[in-house]
Amino acid sequence: MYLTRFRVNAARRDARKLLASPQAMHAAVLAGFPRPEDHTREDARTLWRLDQNRNQQVLLYVVSPTAPDLTHLVEQAGWPTSAESWETRPYDRLLDSLDKGQRWSFRLTANPVRNGRRNKDRPSTQRFGHVTPAQQTEWLTTRAQRNGFNVVRQTDGELNLVTYNHQVHRFARNQGPKPVTLATVTYDGVLEVEDPTLLRAVLTRGIGHARAYGCGLMTLAPATP
């Protein structure tokens, strides 16, 4: 597995098009792999997420079974004359280091949803996005343990977790008649490892729905005391 960070030049027209459409960004990410087995395997898949750091830089993170070649993205949405277009590092060392009881800071952008019926007479269920911070927090905490972790509580008893960047995305998918609508949120917090095997699956396969559209990628960093 590999973790890649790519700096997006948001001032470029093609970059703005990619940033406006998760469908287009998904296609651009997968174009970095010559064969399907390079980006999707039974035990792993390619996940991506857009972040913005404190310097207002837009960063694309990609976790993938093989290392991508993002030359085409540099030409579309990067800095073609820069020698620091993207950086790829092996991810297995971190994955193999996970152990029960460890604490890590984490970031996750997700599409928290519930299944239900808009009309009681309708036989099939639909997905409805959770849009309030309380609903979105509950969505994550109720899935944490079965995915190998718990969200740590602070000394005051509150969860060490914040939600932000609440957005609703609407975009066309494969020229379909109806646009796709996704409610997304970003989580920053601290977790404790309960089951390393289950957590590795989250880090390599993602969590929740809309993983093709920039959701589901959880990344870890050393937790500050």
Protein backbone atom coordinates (compact mmCIF):
# COMPACT_ATOMS: atom_id res chain seq x y z
CA MET A 1 0.00 0.00 0.00
CA TYR A 2 1.07 3.58 -0.70
CA LEU A 3 0.12 7.04 0.58
CA THR A 4 0.44 9.92 -1.88
CA ARG A 5 0.14 13.66 -1.32
CA PHE A 6 -0.41 15.94 -4.31
CA ARG A 7 -0.53 19.76 -4.23
CA VAL A 8 -3.39 21.15 -6.29
CA ASN A 9 -2.92 24.48 -8.04
CA ALA A 10 -6.40 25.83 -7.39
CA ALA A 11 -5.74 28.89 -9.56
CA ARG A 12 -5.79 26.79 -12.72
CA ARG A 13 -9.04 26.38 -14.65
CA ASP A 14 -8.77 22.60 -15.01
CA ALA A 15 -8.01 22.30 -11.30
CA ARG A 16 -11.18 24.20 -10.44
CA LYS A 17 -13.17 21.83 -12.66
CA LEU A 18 -11.77 18.83 -10.81
CA LEU A 19 -12.38 20.40 -7.41
CA ALA A 20 -16.00 21.10 -8.36
CA SER A 21 -16.79 17.52 -9.40
CA PRO A 22 -16.00 14.44 -7.28
CA GLN A 23 -16.85 12.37 -10.37
CA ALA A 24 -14.16 14.13 -12.42
CA MET A 25 -11.59 13.93 -9.60
CA HIS A 26 -12.29 10.22 -9.17
CA ALA A 27 -11.63 9.63 -12.87
CA ALA A 28 -8.45 11.71 -12.71
CA VAL A 29 -7.14 9.73 -9.73
CA LEU A 30 -7.82 6.36 -11.36
CA ALA A 31 -6.11 7.56 -14.53
CA GLY A 32 -2.87 7.40 -12.55
CA PHE A 33 -2.94 3.58 -12.67
CA PRO A 34 -2.36 1.68 -15.94
CA ARG A 35 -4.31 -1.47 -14.96
CA PRO A 36 -7.48 -2.06 -12.88
CA GLU A 37 -5.62 -4.38 -10.50
CA ASP A 38 -3.24 -1.50 -9.73
CA HIS A 39 -6.00 0.53 -8.09
CA THR A 40 -8.46 -2.10 -6.80
CA ARG A 41 -7.85 -5.44 -5.14
CA GLU A 42 -9.97 -7.72 -2.99
CA ASP A 43 -8.17 -6.53 0.16
CA ALA A 44 -7.60 -2.90 -0.82
CA ARG A 45 -8.90 -0.12 -3.01
CA THR A 46 -7.87 3.36 -4.05
CA LEU A 47 -9.23 6.07 -1.77
CA TRP A 48 -8.77 9.82 -2.01
CA ARG A 49 -9.53 12.95 -0.02
CA LEU A 50 -9.14 16.70 -0.48
CA ASP A 51 -7.78 18.75 2.41
CA GLN A 52 -6.90 22.39 2.88
CA ASN A 53 -4.02 23.19 5.23
CA ARG A 54 -3.37 26.28 7.34
CA ASN A 55 -1.61 27.97 4.43
CA GLN A 56 -4.75 27.55 2.30
CA GLN A 57 -3.01 24.99 0.12
CA VAL A 58 -5.31 22.38 -1.40
CA LEU A 59 -3.91 18.88 -0.96
CA LEU A 60 -5.06 15.65 -2.56
CA TYR A 61 -4.34 12.51 -0.52
CA VAL A 62 -4.48 9.09 -2.18
CA VAL A 63 -4.13 5.65 -0.59
CA SER A 64 -3.66 2.91 -3.16
CA PRO A 65 -2.42 -0.68 -3.60
CA THR A 66 0.34 0.47 -5.99
CA ALA A 67 2.14 3.78 -6.46
CA PRO A 68 0.32 6.11 -8.89
CA ASP A 69 1.81 8.14 -11.72
CA LEU A 70 0.18 11.55 -11.47
CA THR A 71 2.00 13.23 -14.35
CA HIS A 72 -1.34 13.91 -16.05
CA LEU A 73 -2.63 15.63 -12.89
CA VAL A 74 0.46 17.83 -12.75
CA GLU A 75 -0.27 18.94 -16.31
CA GLN A 76 -3.95 19.55 -15.54
CA ALA A 77 -3.98 20.85 -12.01
CA GLY A 78 -0.47 21.21 -10.63
CA TRP A 79 2.76 23.06 -11.24
CA PRO A 80 4.44 21.44 -14.30
CA THR A 81 7.77 23.20 -13.68
CA SER A 82 7.98 22.19 -10.02
CA ALA A 83 10.08 19.25 -8.86
CA GLU A 84 7.77 18.75 -5.87
CA SER A 85 4.52 17.93 -7.65
CA TRP A 86 3.63 14.90 -5.56
CA GLU A 87 5.13 12.62 -2.94
CA THR A 88 4.43 8.90 -2.54
CA ARG A 89 5.51 6.85 0.45
CA PRO A 90 5.08 3.18 1.39
CA TYR A 91 2.12 2.78 3.76
CA ASP A 92 2.74 -0.75 5.03
CA ARG A 93 5.17 0.32 7.74
CA LEU A 94 2.47 2.35 9.48
CA LEU A 95 -0.16 -0.35 8.91
CA ASP A 96 2.09 -3.03 10.37
CA SER A 97 2.91 -0.88 13.40
CA LEU A 98 -0.69 -0.65 14.63
CA ASP A 99 -1.24 -2.26 18.02
CA LYS A 100 -4.04 -2.44 20.57
CA GLY A 101 -4.08 0.48 22.97
CA GLN A 102 -2.23 2.94 20.74
CA ARG A 103 -3.66 6.41 20.35
CA TRP A 104 -3.57 8.28 17.06
CA SER A 105 -4.88 11.58 15.78
CA PHE A 106 -7.09 10.97 12.77
CA ARG A 107 -8.82 12.78 9.95
CA LEU A 108 -11.73 11.44 7.95
CA THR A 109 -14.07 12.93 5.37
CA ALA A 110 -17.19 10.82 5.16
CA ASN A 111 -20.71 10.61 3.79
CA PRO A 112 -22.75 9.75 6.90
CA VAL A 113 -26.15 8.38 5.89
CA ARG A 114 -29.08 6.35 7.17
CA ASN A 115 -31.48 4.09 5.31
CA GLY A 116 -35.18 4.86 5.40
CA ARG A 117 -38.36 5.45 3.40
CA ARG A 118 -39.57 8.87 2.38
CA ASN A 119 -42.99 7.33 1.77
CA LYS A 120 -44.32 4.44 3.87
CA ASP A 121 -46.03 2.99 0.81
CA ARG A 122 -42.74 2.77 -1.07
CA PRO A 123 -41.26 -0.77 -0.81
CA SER A 124 -37.60 0.15 -1.32
CA THR A 125 -35.45 2.12 1.09
CA GLN A 126 -33.43 5.23 0.32
CA ARG A 127 -30.29 6.75 1.76
CA PHE A 128 -30.69 10.02 3.62
CA GLY A 129 -27.69 12.12 4.60
CA HIS A 130 -27.09 13.08 8.22
CA VAL A 131 -26.70 16.86 8.23
CA THR A 132 -26.51 17.90 11.90
CA PRO A 133 -23.22 17.65 13.86
CA ALA A 134 -24.91 15.47 16.50
CA GLN A 135 -26.15 12.98 13.87
CA GLN A 136 -22.79 12.95 12.12
CA THR A 137 -20.93 12.35 15.37
CA GLU A 138 -23.26 9.49 16.32
CA TRP A 139 -22.80 7.96 12.87
CA LEU A 140 -19.05 7.69 13.45
CA THR A 141 -19.10 6.59 17.07
CA THR A 142 -21.62 3.81 16.42
CA ARG A 143 -19.35 2.40 13.69
CA ALA A 144 -16.07 2.83 15.53
CA GLN A 145 -15.90 -0.37 17.57
CA ARG A 146 -16.81 -2.72 14.73
CA ASN A 147 -14.07 -1.03 12.73
CA GLY A 148 -11.39 -1.59 15.34
CA PHE A 149 -11.20 1.70 17.23
CA ASN A 150 -12.87 3.98 19.76
CA VAL A 151 -12.97 7.76 19.77
CA VAL A 152 -11.10 8.91 22.88
CA ARG A 153 -12.80 11.03 25.51
CA GLN A 154 -11.16 14.10 27.02
CA THR A 155 -10.67 14.70 30.73
CA ASP A 156 -13.99 16.57 30.79
CA GLY A 157 -15.79 13.49 29.41
CA GLU A 158 -16.43 15.00 25.98
CA LEU A 159 -15.33 13.18 22.84
CA ASN A 160 -11.98 14.29 21.47
CA LEU A 161 -13.63 14.97 18.13
CA VAL A 162 -14.63 17.94 16.02
CA THR A 163 -16.72 18.04 12.84
CA TYR A 164 -16.33 20.76 10.23
CA ASN A 165 -16.46 21.49 6.52
CA HIS A 166 -20.10 20.39 6.30
CA GLN A 167 -21.01 20.40 2.62
CA VAL A 168 -23.66 19.23 0.18
CA HIS A 169 -22.27 18.28 -3.23
CA ARG A 170 -24.36 17.97 -6.37
CA PHE A 171 -22.77 16.73 -9.56
CA ALA A 172 -23.53 14.69 -12.67
CA ARG A 173 -22.51 11.04 -12.82
CA ASN A 174 -21.72 9.46 -16.19
CA GLN A 175 -24.17 11.81 -17.91
CA GLY A 176 -27.05 10.31 -15.93
CA PRO A 177 -30.45 12.01 -15.96
CA LYS A 178 -30.31 12.92 -12.27
CA PRO A 179 -27.45 14.57 -10.38
CA VAL A 180 -25.79 12.88 -7.41
CA THR A 181 -26.28 14.59 -4.06
CA LEU A 182 -23.81 13.91 -1.23
CA ALA A 183 -23.74 15.38 2.28
CA THR A 184 -20.17 15.24 3.57
CA VAL A 185 -18.34 16.20 6.75
CA THR A 186 -14.75 16.11 7.93
CA TYR A 187 -13.84 14.66 11.33
CA ASP A 188 -10.69 15.45 13.29
CA GLY A 189 -10.14 13.58 16.53
CA VAL A 190 -8.13 11.09 18.55
CA LEU A 191 -8.78 7.36 18.45
CA GLU A 192 -7.59 4.36 20.43
CA VAL A 193 -6.85 1.12 18.61
CA GLU A 194 -9.06 -1.76 19.76
CA ASP A 195 -8.47 -4.28 16.95
CA PRO A 196 -5.49 -3.59 14.66
CA THR A 197 -6.75 -5.95 11.94
CA LEU A 198 -10.11 -4.22 11.66
CA LEU A 199 -8.53 -0.77 11.71
CA ARG A 200 -6.10 -1.76 8.93
CA ALA A 201 -9.12 -2.72 6.83
CA VAL A 202 -10.58 0.75 7.38
CA LEU A 203 -7.31 2.42 6.36
CA THR A 204 -7.00 0.36 3.17
CA ARG A 205 -10.64 -0.06 2.15
CA GLY A 206 -12.33 2.98 3.65
CA ILE A 207 -15.40 3.50 5.78
CA GLY A 208 -18.94 4.46 4.81
CA HIS A 209 -20.44 5.21 1.41
CA ALA A 210 -19.31 7.36 -1.54
CA ARG A 211 -15.72 6.13 -1.37
CA ALA A 212 -15.28 6.81 -5.08
CA TYR A 213 -16.15 10.45 -4.45
CA GLY A 214 -13.57 11.52 -1.89
CA CYS A 215 -15.15 9.95 1.18
CA GLY A 216 -14.04 7.16 3.47
CA LEU A 217 -10.27 7.77 3.61
CA MET A 218 -9.05 7.90 7.22
CA THR A 219 -5.46 9.01 7.81
CA LEU A 220 -3.49 8.79 11.06
CA ALA A 221 -0.82 10.96 12.67
CA PRO A 222 0.97 10.70 16.03
CA ALA A 223 -1.32 11.91 18.79
CA THR A 224 -0.04 14.90 20.75
CA PRO A 225 0.01 14.44 24.54
